[in-house]
Amino acid sequence: MNAQSAFSLVAILYSVANLASMGLEVNLRETITSLRSVRVLSLTLGWSWVLGPALAVLLTKVLPMSEPYATGLLIFSLAPTAPVLPLFIRKARADMSLAAAIMPLAVVSTVVLMPLLAPRLIPGLTLSSWAIGKPLLVTVLLPLVIGVAIKAYAPRVAARIFPAVKRIAGITTLILLGVVLFLHWRELLSALGSFGIASQVLFIVGMALVAYTFGFGLTQPQRSAMALAVCTRNGSAMLVAITAFPTLDPNLMAMILLAVPVPLVVWQALSIFFSSRADSTAEDGATGRPVQRVK
């Protein structure tokens, strides 16, 4: 097994474990209830799939980035909502039920729209939509669906296996970071002198502030949840998508790999900011007090 094959295997394990863990946290009944809201659907899809790609294209035009870093940012914009979103929702004292509804919607829309938009947004990309979509179906959507099904139809089993799946997700994340540092430390160091990291930070902050400021009737905890949902990125989807590329530019690889650790710092800062803005009567996702539903 060569280095590229080893990386692809670790990326797949990372994706399957994290998406299965996400599925085991989803309350299907609450998700369906929240997704009946036209406001939630329109804001989630609008911010994620109109504002996100548009902002990424703008940043590639404004910042003097080389083509591989620009391509990485465009892929970055096509993978909304991180599997670790619940962690930041709790820190931000945001609406957990809204976040739980957005998470599966984001995954399904990523599996459908990333393969359709990537060949159109990325100059010179010759991959077909199916070449990108197939690995996303198997390693992103399928683990999520299985996790959701277990939680919905066998909740006791879900509660029993969730800690182990969560632990495996954490272990595979650490393994992935280790493999990344071992195989690509030179590329990661070279990226420090580019505008790649700056573009990711600007993208995340821009998405969060627009979604939070223009909440269109959402409560403060709901606006915080929406902002974090659309500004966080699904590293699993990005890594799986680039494994479909026949050849990988080292700088493109570095840009995608930095999209795992770098945004965590920004998400943490945003969570603290949103927590400071939380109303005194807002729902803290960890307490279980009632929260106003979106209508």
Protein backbone atom coordinates (compact mmCIF):
# COMPACT_ATOMS: atom_id res chain seq x y z
CA MET A 1 0.00 0.00 0.00
CA ASN A 2 1.48 3.35 -1.06
CA ALA A 3 1.18 6.64 0.84
CA GLN A 4 -1.76 7.90 -1.22
CA SER A 5 -3.73 4.69 -0.67
CA ALA A 6 -3.02 4.83 3.06
CA PHE A 7 -4.24 8.42 3.21
CA SER A 8 -7.42 7.55 1.27
CA LEU A 9 -8.17 4.67 3.64
CA VAL A 10 -7.71 6.83 6.74
CA ALA A 11 -9.85 9.60 5.20
CA ILE A 12 -12.66 7.10 4.53
CA LEU A 13 -12.51 5.72 8.08
CA TYR A 14 -12.55 9.28 9.44
CA SER A 15 -15.59 10.13 7.33
CA VAL A 16 -17.58 6.99 8.15
CA ALA A 17 -16.97 7.26 11.90
CA ASN A 18 -17.78 10.96 12.12
CA LEU A 19 -20.93 10.78 9.99
CA ALA A 20 -22.21 7.70 11.83
CA SER A 21 -21.65 9.56 15.08
CA MET A 22 -23.59 12.53 13.70
CA GLY A 23 -26.48 10.26 12.70
CA LEU A 24 -26.68 8.71 16.17
CA GLU A 25 -27.24 12.21 17.62
CA VAL A 26 -30.06 13.18 15.25
CA ASN A 27 -33.61 13.14 16.60
CA LEU A 28 -35.57 12.29 13.46
CA ARG A 29 -38.90 13.58 14.78
CA GLU A 30 -37.45 16.98 15.75
CA THR A 31 -35.58 17.15 12.46
CA ILE A 32 -38.73 16.58 10.41
CA THR A 33 -40.65 19.12 12.51
CA SER A 34 -38.01 21.82 12.06
CA LEU A 35 -37.58 21.13 8.35
CA ARG A 36 -41.27 21.83 7.79
CA SER A 37 -40.35 25.47 8.32
CA VAL A 38 -39.94 27.25 4.99
CA ARG A 39 -37.78 29.79 6.78
CA VAL A 40 -35.31 27.18 8.03
CA LEU A 41 -35.10 25.49 4.63
CA SER A 42 -34.67 28.70 2.67
CA LEU A 43 -32.09 30.22 5.02
CA THR A 44 -30.07 27.02 5.31
CA LEU A 45 -29.99 26.36 1.57
CA GLY A 46 -29.58 30.02 0.67
CA TRP A 47 -26.66 30.72 2.99
CA SER A 48 -24.98 27.37 2.27
CA TRP A 49 -25.40 27.09 -1.48
CA VAL A 50 -25.76 30.66 -2.74
CA LEU A 51 -23.82 32.86 -0.33
CA GLY A 52 -21.12 30.25 0.37
CA PRO A 53 -19.94 29.56 -3.20
CA ALA A 54 -20.37 33.25 -4.14
CA LEU A 55 -18.19 34.36 -1.21
CA ALA A 56 -15.54 31.77 -2.09
CA VAL A 57 -15.43 32.90 -5.72
CA LEU A 58 -15.12 36.52 -4.56
CA LEU A 59 -12.22 35.68 -2.24
CA THR A 60 -10.38 33.83 -5.03
CA LYS A 61 -10.67 37.00 -7.13
CA VAL A 62 -9.64 39.43 -4.38
CA LEU A 63 -6.84 37.52 -2.66
CA PRO A 64 -3.64 36.75 -4.61
CA MET A 65 -3.85 32.97 -4.20
CA SER A 66 -2.29 30.43 -6.53
CA GLU A 67 -4.68 28.13 -8.41
CA PRO A 68 -4.37 25.09 -6.08
CA TYR A 69 -5.27 27.18 -3.02
CA ALA A 70 -8.16 28.80 -4.89
CA THR A 71 -9.43 25.36 -5.91
CA GLY A 72 -9.18 24.23 -2.29
CA LEU A 73 -11.23 27.21 -1.12
CA LEU A 74 -13.95 26.44 -3.68
CA ILE A 75 -14.15 22.84 -2.44
CA PHE A 76 -14.16 24.25 1.11
CA SER A 77 -17.26 26.32 0.22
CA LEU A 78 -19.15 23.23 -0.99
CA ALA A 79 -19.10 21.29 2.29
CA PRO A 80 -21.26 23.08 4.88
CA THR A 81 -21.79 21.99 8.49
CA ALA A 82 -19.23 20.07 10.50
CA PRO A 83 -20.03 16.78 12.29
CA VAL A 84 -18.68 18.43 15.47
CA LEU A 85 -21.35 21.17 15.25
CA PRO A 86 -23.17 20.07 18.47
CA LEU A 87 -20.01 20.78 20.49
CA PHE A 88 -19.94 24.42 19.33
CA ILE A 89 -23.71 24.80 19.61
CA ARG A 90 -23.46 23.95 23.30
CA LYS A 91 -20.57 26.36 23.81
CA ALA A 92 -22.54 29.12 22.07
CA ARG A 93 -25.72 28.41 24.09
CA ALA A 94 -27.51 28.13 20.76
CA ASP A 95 -30.62 26.20 19.70
CA MET A 96 -29.67 22.53 19.57
CA SER A 97 -32.95 21.40 17.99
CA LEU A 98 -32.45 23.74 15.04
CA ALA A 99 -28.86 22.58 14.62
CA ALA A 100 -29.98 18.95 14.71
CA ALA A 101 -32.38 19.68 11.86
CA ILE A 102 -29.78 21.49 9.77
CA MET A 103 -27.10 18.79 10.09
CA PRO A 104 -28.77 16.02 8.05
CA LEU A 105 -30.10 18.59 5.57
CA ALA A 106 -26.55 19.87 5.04
CA VAL A 107 -25.17 16.37 4.48
CA VAL A 108 -27.86 15.41 1.98
CA SER A 109 -27.51 18.70 0.09
CA THR A 110 -23.71 18.30 0.03
CA VAL A 111 -23.96 14.82 -1.50
CA VAL A 112 -26.34 16.17 -4.16
CA LEU A 113 -24.95 19.64 -4.87
CA MET A 114 -21.18 19.31 -4.41
CA PRO A 115 -20.85 16.92 -7.40
CA LEU A 116 -23.06 19.21 -9.50
CA LEU A 117 -21.38 22.51 -8.60
CA ALA A 118 -17.71 21.50 -8.30
CA PRO A 119 -17.12 20.87 -12.05
CA ARG A 120 -18.82 24.21 -12.82
CA LEU A 121 -17.04 26.30 -10.19
CA ILE A 122 -13.52 24.89 -10.46
CA PRO A 123 -11.67 25.84 -13.65
CA GLY A 124 -10.13 22.89 -15.45
CA LEU A 125 -11.79 20.20 -13.34
CA THR A 126 -12.59 17.35 -15.71
CA LEU A 127 -14.15 14.94 -13.22
CA SER A 128 -17.75 13.97 -13.82
CA SER A 129 -20.39 14.66 -11.20
CA TRP A 130 -20.78 10.91 -10.63
CA ALA A 131 -17.04 10.47 -9.99
CA ILE A 132 -17.31 12.96 -7.11
CA GLY A 133 -20.77 11.90 -5.96
CA LYS A 134 -20.19 8.14 -5.71
CA PRO A 135 -17.68 8.23 -2.81
CA LEU A 136 -19.84 10.84 -1.07
CA LEU A 137 -22.86 8.52 -1.23
CA VAL A 138 -20.95 5.59 0.23
CA THR A 139 -18.80 7.24 2.90
CA VAL A 140 -20.81 10.34 3.84
CA LEU A 141 -24.53 9.80 3.25
CA LEU A 142 -24.76 6.06 3.98
CA PRO A 143 -23.13 6.21 7.47
CA LEU A 144 -25.40 9.15 8.37
CA VAL A 145 -28.54 7.31 7.22
CA ILE A 146 -27.56 4.18 9.15
CA GLY A 147 -26.92 6.23 12.30
CA VAL A 148 -30.23 8.06 11.99
CA ALA A 149 -32.10 4.79 11.39
CA ILE A 150 -30.59 3.16 14.48
CA LYS A 151 -31.43 6.23 16.61
CA ALA A 152 -35.03 6.28 15.29
CA TYR A 153 -35.87 2.58 15.43
CA ALA A 154 -33.53 1.22 18.10
CA PRO A 155 -32.85 4.10 20.50
CA ARG A 156 -31.49 1.84 23.23
CA VAL A 157 -28.96 0.37 20.82
CA ALA A 158 -28.06 3.89 19.68
CA ALA A 159 -27.49 5.03 23.25
CA ARG A 160 -25.33 1.98 23.94
CA ILE A 161 -23.11 2.22 20.87
CA PHE A 162 -22.86 6.01 20.60
CA PRO A 163 -19.98 6.41 23.09
CA ALA A 164 -17.93 3.79 21.22
CA VAL A 165 -18.66 5.30 17.81
CA LYS A 166 -17.82 8.77 19.15
CA ARG A 167 -14.56 7.41 20.53
CA ILE A 168 -13.71 5.80 17.21
CA ALA A 169 -14.45 9.09 15.47
CA GLY A 170 -12.03 10.87 17.81
CA ILE A 171 -9.34 8.22 17.31
CA THR A 172 -9.65 8.29 13.51
CA THR A 173 -9.44 12.09 13.62
CA LEU A 174 -6.17 11.89 15.56
CA ILE A 175 -4.85 9.21 13.20
CA LEU A 176 -5.76 11.37 10.22
CA LEU A 177 -3.94 14.36 11.67
CA GLY A 178 -0.91 12.17 12.35
CA VAL A 179 -0.89 10.79 8.81
CA VAL A 180 -1.29 14.31 7.45
CA LEU A 181 1.67 15.63 9.43
CA PHE A 182 3.83 12.65 8.48
CA LEU A 183 3.05 12.69 4.76
CA HIS A 184 2.47 16.36 4.04
CA TRP A 185 4.34 18.47 6.60
CA ARG A 186 6.32 20.25 3.87
CA GLU A 187 3.15 21.29 2.03
CA LEU A 188 1.53 22.44 5.27
CA LEU A 189 4.55 24.62 6.08
CA SER A 190 4.54 26.12 2.59
CA ALA A 191 0.85 27.01 2.97
CA LEU A 192 1.67 29.24 5.92
CA GLY A 193 3.13 31.81 3.53
CA SER A 194 0.12 31.80 1.23
CA PHE A 195 -3.30 33.39 1.53
CA GLY A 196 -4.90 29.97 1.96
CA ILE A 197 -5.37 30.18 5.72
CA ALA A 198 -6.49 33.81 5.54
CA SER A 199 -9.10 32.93 2.93
CA GLN A 200 -10.53 30.16 5.13
CA VAL A 201 -10.75 32.49 8.12
CA LEU A 202 -12.38 35.27 6.09
CA PHE A 203 -14.84 32.82 4.58
CA ILE A 204 -15.88 31.39 7.95
CA VAL A 205 -16.23 34.77 9.67
CA GLY A 206 -18.08 36.26 6.71
CA MET A 207 -20.56 33.39 6.53
CA ALA A 208 -21.19 33.47 10.28
CA LEU A 209 -21.71 37.21 10.56
CA VAL A 210 -24.05 37.42 7.54
CA ALA A 211 -26.18 34.48 8.74
CA TYR A 212 -26.29 35.84 12.30
CA THR A 213 -27.03 39.46 11.34
CA PHE A 214 -29.76 38.64 8.83
CA GLY A 215 -31.74 36.13 10.87
CA PHE A 216 -35.10 37.14 9.38
CA GLY A 217 -37.26 36.41 12.39
CA LEU A 218 -35.12 33.81 14.14
CA THR A 219 -34.48 34.16 17.86
CA GLN A 220 -30.97 34.86 19.10
CA PRO A 221 -30.23 31.19 19.93
CA GLN A 222 -31.60 30.17 16.55
CA ARG A 223 -29.50 32.79 14.73
CA SER A 224 -26.41 31.51 16.56
CA ALA A 225 -27.25 27.94 15.55
CA MET A 226 -27.83 28.95 11.92
CA ALA A 227 -24.60 30.96 11.79
CA LEU A 228 -22.49 28.12 13.20
CA ALA A 229 -24.19 25.54 10.98
CA VAL A 230 -23.48 27.40 7.75
CA CYS A 231 -19.98 28.60 8.63
CA THR A 232 -18.60 25.27 9.87
CA ARG A 233 -17.23 22.88 7.27
CA ASN A 234 -17.53 19.13 6.77
CA GLY A 235 -13.93 17.96 6.55
CA SER A 236 -15.13 14.44 5.83
CA ALA A 237 -16.90 15.49 2.63
CA MET A 238 -13.92 17.52 1.44
CA LEU A 239 -11.43 14.73 2.03
CA VAL A 240 -13.64 12.12 0.40
CA ALA A 241 -14.23 14.39 -2.61
CA ILE A 242 -10.53 14.92 -3.32
CA THR A 243 -9.82 11.18 -3.12
CA ALA A 244 -11.73 11.02 -6.44
CA PHE A 245 -9.15 13.28 -8.10
CA PRO A 246 -6.83 11.25 -10.40
CA THR A 247 -3.86 13.39 -9.33
CA LEU A 248 -3.56 15.79 -6.42
CA ASP A 249 -1.52 18.97 -6.40
CA PRO A 250 0.40 19.08 -3.07
CA ASN A 251 -0.79 22.64 -2.42
CA LEU A 252 -4.43 21.65 -3.01
CA MET A 253 -3.92 18.81 -0.56
CA ALA A 254 -2.43 21.23 1.98
CA MET A 255 -5.40 23.59 1.62
CA ILE A 256 -7.90 20.80 2.26
CA LEU A 257 -5.89 19.38 5.15
CA LEU A 258 -5.65 22.78 6.81
CA ALA A 259 -9.44 22.92 6.63
CA VAL A 260 -9.53 20.35 9.44
CA PRO A 261 -7.48 22.04 12.23
CA VAL A 262 -7.49 25.75 11.29
CA PRO A 263 -11.27 26.35 11.32
CA LEU A 264 -11.58 24.76 14.76
CA VAL A 265 -9.87 27.81 16.26
CA VAL A 266 -12.23 30.20 14.45
CA TRP A 267 -15.33 28.18 15.36
CA GLN A 268 -14.26 28.22 19.01
CA ALA A 269 -13.90 32.02 18.93
CA LEU A 270 -17.28 32.43 17.23
CA SER A 271 -18.92 30.15 19.80
CA ILE A 272 -17.59 32.33 22.60
CA PHE A 273 -18.83 35.44 20.81
CA PHE A 274 -22.32 34.03 20.26
CA SER A 275 -22.45 32.82 23.86
CA SER A 276 -21.73 36.35 25.03
CA ARG A 277 -24.65 37.55 22.91
CA ALA A 278 -27.07 34.94 24.21
CA ASP A 279 -30.21 36.16 25.94
CA SER A 280 -30.47 35.40 29.63
CA THR A 281 -33.57 33.31 28.95
CA ALA A 282 -32.12 31.53 25.89
CA GLU A 283 -32.08 27.78 25.70
CA ASP A 284 -28.78 26.18 26.54
CA GLY A 285 -28.68 23.00 24.45
CA ALA A 286 -27.27 21.07 27.41
CA THR A 287 -29.99 22.00 29.94
CA GLY A 288 -33.16 20.84 28.26
CA ARG A 289 -35.20 23.99 28.97
CA PRO A 290 -37.89 24.63 26.33
CA VAL A 291 -36.94 26.60 23.26
CA GLN A 292 -39.06 28.61 20.87
CA ARG A 293 -39.73 26.65 17.68
CA VAL A 294 -39.28 28.08 14.23
CA LYS A 295 -42.57 28.59 12.43
